[in-house]
Protein backbone atom coordinates (compact mmCIF):
# COMPACT_ATOMS: atom_id res chain seq x y z
CA MET A 1 106.95 107.14 91.64
CA SER A 2 109.55 104.38 91.61
CA ASP A 3 109.76 101.18 93.59
CA LEU A 4 112.10 101.17 96.56
CA ASP A 5 115.08 98.82 96.74
CA LEU A 6 113.68 95.47 97.87
CA GLU A 7 116.51 95.05 100.40
CA ILE A 8 115.30 98.09 102.36
CA ILE A 9 111.76 96.70 102.42
CA ILE A 10 113.03 93.32 103.66
CA GLN A 11 115.04 95.05 106.39
CA ALA A 12 111.93 97.02 107.41
CA GLN A 13 109.94 93.75 107.52
CA GLN A 14 112.56 92.40 109.92
CA GLY A 15 112.01 95.36 112.27
CA ASP A 16 114.81 97.67 111.13
CA GLU A 17 113.51 101.15 112.05
CA PHE A 18 116.22 102.89 110.01
CA ALA A 19 115.00 101.04 106.92
CA PHE A 20 111.40 102.05 107.63
CA ASN A 21 112.53 105.68 108.07
CA THR A 22 114.05 105.41 104.60
CA ILE A 23 110.66 104.28 103.31
CA VAL A 24 108.97 107.26 104.99
CA GLU A 25 111.53 109.70 103.55
CA THR A 26 111.13 108.19 100.08
CA PHE A 27 107.33 108.27 100.01
CA GLN A 28 106.33 111.12 102.34
CA THR A 29 105.58 113.55 99.49
CA PRO A 30 103.35 111.25 97.38
CA VAL A 31 101.55 109.99 100.50
CA TYR A 32 100.93 113.53 101.77
CA ASN A 33 99.82 114.69 98.31
CA LEU A 34 97.32 111.84 98.04
CA CYS A 35 95.95 112.66 101.51
CA TYR A 36 95.68 116.35 100.65
CA ARG A 37 93.87 115.70 97.38
CA MET A 38 91.52 113.30 99.12
CA LEU A 39 90.80 115.36 102.24
CA GLY A 40 91.28 118.93 101.06
CA ASN A 41 92.84 120.21 104.28
CA PRO A 42 96.60 120.49 104.96
CA GLN A 43 96.40 119.63 108.68
CA GLU A 44 94.08 116.67 108.10
CA ALA A 45 96.34 115.53 105.26
CA GLU A 46 99.39 115.64 107.53
CA ASP A 47 97.58 113.63 110.21
CA ALA A 48 96.33 111.14 107.62
CA ALA A 49 99.83 110.72 106.15
CA GLN A 50 101.24 109.96 109.60
CA GLU A 51 98.44 107.48 110.28
CA SER A 52 98.99 105.85 106.89
CA PHE A 53 102.68 105.34 107.61
CA TRP A 54 101.83 103.98 111.06
CA ARG A 55 99.42 101.48 109.49
CA ALA A 56 102.03 100.53 106.90
CA TYR A 57 104.58 100.01 109.68
CA GLN A 58 102.18 97.70 111.51
CA ALA A 59 101.35 95.75 108.34
CA ILE A 60 104.74 95.65 106.58
CA ALA A 61 105.46 92.08 107.67
CA LYS A 62 102.46 91.04 105.53
CA TYR A 63 103.65 92.96 102.45
CA ASP A 64 104.01 90.68 99.40
CA PRO A 65 107.28 91.53 97.56
CA ASN A 66 105.65 90.42 94.28
CA ARG A 67 103.36 93.45 94.52
CA SER A 68 104.43 97.02 93.73
CA PHE A 69 105.41 98.67 97.03
CA PRO A 70 104.13 102.16 96.05
CA THR A 71 100.78 100.62 95.06
CA TRP A 72 100.59 98.78 98.40
CA LEU A 73 101.44 101.93 100.37
CA LEU A 74 99.07 104.19 98.43
CA SER A 75 96.34 101.57 98.87
CA ILE A 76 96.68 101.87 102.65
CA THR A 77 96.64 105.65 102.32
CA ALA A 78 93.65 105.83 99.97
CA HIS A 79 91.55 103.48 102.10
CA TYR A 80 92.34 105.41 105.27
CA CYS A 81 91.34 108.69 103.59
CA ILE A 82 88.13 107.14 102.25
CA ASP A 83 87.27 105.98 105.78
CA GLN A 84 87.93 109.49 107.11
CA GLN A 85 85.67 111.02 104.47
CA ARG A 86 82.89 108.56 105.18
CA ARG A 87 83.07 109.50 108.83
CA ARG A 88 82.78 113.16 107.86
CA ARG A 89 80.10 112.37 105.22
CA LEU A 90 81.50 114.83 102.75
CA PRO A 91 79.76 115.10 100.19
CA THR A 92 81.86 119.27 77.33
CA THR A 93 85.15 120.31 78.75
CA GLU A 94 87.74 117.58 79.28
CA LEU A 95 89.37 117.00 82.66
CA ASP A 96 92.78 117.08 80.98
CA ASP A 97 92.02 120.61 79.77
CA ILE A 98 90.92 121.71 83.24
CA LEU A 99 94.02 120.33 84.93
CA ALA A 100 96.29 121.73 82.23
CA GLU A 101 94.81 125.23 82.44
CA THR A 102 97.51 127.81 82.39
CA ALA A 103 98.95 127.42 85.84
CA PRO A 104 101.30 130.24 86.79
CA ASP A 105 105.03 129.75 86.30
CA VAL A 106 106.45 128.89 89.73
CA ASN A 107 109.88 130.15 88.66
CA THR A 108 108.68 133.76 88.61
CA PRO A 109 106.95 134.34 91.94
CA ASN A 110 105.28 137.69 92.38
CA PRO A 111 102.15 138.62 94.37
CA GLU A 112 99.83 138.26 91.38
CA THR A 113 101.35 134.91 90.42
CA VAL A 114 101.16 133.58 93.98
CA TYR A 115 97.53 134.70 94.29
CA SER A 116 96.64 133.21 90.90
CA GLN A 117 98.36 129.93 91.76
CA GLY A 118 96.50 129.72 95.08
CA GLU A 119 93.20 130.44 93.36
CA HIS A 120 93.87 127.76 90.72
CA GLU A 121 94.76 125.25 93.47
CA GLU A 122 91.54 126.07 95.37
CA ASN A 123 89.48 125.60 92.21
CA ILE A 124 91.02 122.17 91.55
CA GLN A 125 90.56 121.12 95.18
CA SER A 126 86.93 122.29 95.12
CA LEU A 127 86.32 120.20 91.99
CA LEU A 128 87.87 117.12 93.61
CA LEU A 129 85.75 117.51 96.73
CA SER A 130 82.62 117.36 94.57
CA LEU A 131 83.36 113.69 93.76
CA PRO A 132 82.47 110.60 95.83
CA GLU A 133 85.43 109.17 97.76
CA LEU A 134 86.35 106.25 95.47
CA ASP A 135 85.95 108.36 92.34
CA ARG A 136 88.16 111.05 93.85
CA ALA A 137 90.79 108.47 94.77
CA ALA A 138 90.77 107.10 91.22
CA ILE A 139 91.17 110.59 89.71
CA VAL A 140 93.97 111.57 92.12
CA LEU A 141 95.86 108.33 91.51
CA ARG A 142 95.47 108.72 87.73
CA TYR A 143 96.33 112.41 87.32
CA TRP A 144 98.61 113.19 90.26
CA HIS A 145 100.38 109.85 90.64
CA GLU A 146 100.17 108.79 86.97
CA ALA A 147 98.96 105.35 88.03
CA SER A 148 97.77 102.97 85.36
CA GLU A 149 94.23 101.59 85.44
CA GLU A 150 95.67 98.28 86.67
CA GLU A 151 97.57 100.02 89.49
CA ILE A 152 94.44 101.95 90.48
CA SER A 153 92.52 98.67 90.46
CA GLN A 154 95.06 97.10 92.83
CA THR A 155 95.24 100.18 95.05
CA LEU A 156 91.49 100.58 95.50
CA GLY A 157 90.59 96.90 95.39
CA ILE A 158 88.15 97.24 92.48
CA THR A 159 88.14 95.77 88.96
CA VAL A 160 89.84 97.48 86.03
CA SER A 161 86.44 97.93 84.37
CA ALA A 162 85.18 99.64 87.54
CA VAL A 163 88.22 101.93 87.43
CA LYS A 164 87.47 102.84 83.80
CA SER A 165 83.84 103.49 84.65
CA ARG A 166 84.73 105.66 87.67
CA LEU A 167 87.30 107.66 85.70
CA HIS A 168 84.84 108.23 82.84
CA ARG A 169 82.00 109.24 85.17
CA SER A 170 84.31 111.50 87.21
CA ARG A 171 85.67 113.28 84.14
CA ARG A 172 82.13 114.03 82.98
CA LYS A 173 81.05 115.27 86.40
CA LEU A 174 84.14 117.44 86.86
CA ALA A 175 83.68 118.93 83.39
CA LYS A 176 80.04 119.74 84.16
CA VAL A 177 80.89 121.33 87.52
CA TRP A 178 83.71 123.31 85.86
CA GLU A 179 81.44 124.59 83.08
CA THR A 180 78.71 125.55 85.56
CA LYS A 181 81.19 127.38 87.77
CA ASN A 182 82.66 129.27 84.81
CA SER A 183 79.19 130.15 83.54
CA VAL A 184 78.23 131.63 86.93
CA SER A 185 81.56 133.51 87.17
CA ASN A 186 81.07 134.98 83.69
CA SER A 187 77.51 136.07 84.55
CA VAL A 188 78.70 137.78 87.74
CA GLU A 189 81.48 139.53 85.82
CA ARG A 190 79.02 140.77 83.16
CA MET A 191 76.69 142.11 85.87
CA ARG A 192 79.60 143.97 87.49
CA ASN A 193 80.33 145.56 84.13
CA GLY A 194 76.70 146.60 83.70
CA SER A 195 75.94 144.02 80.99
CA PRO A 196 73.00 141.59 81.04
CA ALA A 197 73.84 138.34 82.85
CA PHE A 198 72.64 136.21 79.93
């Protein structure tokens, strides 16, 4: 995700609505994606993205041009989503391997591919929802937005060492949940085939 032209940001800070619309058009996909990964529901993600842009609009005069604009915007978004989750009170495999599992080729849509892709997406979303809010935000920023540990630190307002700790802990937890889920699925499949479940 690239930085926006500083001139557009300055125009938006001076109240130019066209410039702010350019900001929204530029960042609507990454903001929505962050909201969706954090909240797990398309409608809630859409509402959260709109609220995040509204909050950014209200706060843009305070934006420091020495700071990365995408980091500033995603910080507003992540904190809003964390607040929403807290109100709701949601609750040796590597994460890289899980996320890189053979996702279907989107260039060859067919019913089986579409179903498989939806199932894969649901599995990933279920894994993310098993994490605490800040850990989930760190993982989403790292793997979906390719943010550095420093950028995650700035976005979430925590130290770089805390980011490293959260990423490490989250990877371990996600791997454990993934292995448990696969173990249960394999047992169920063996029982369907008439084999012992162990």
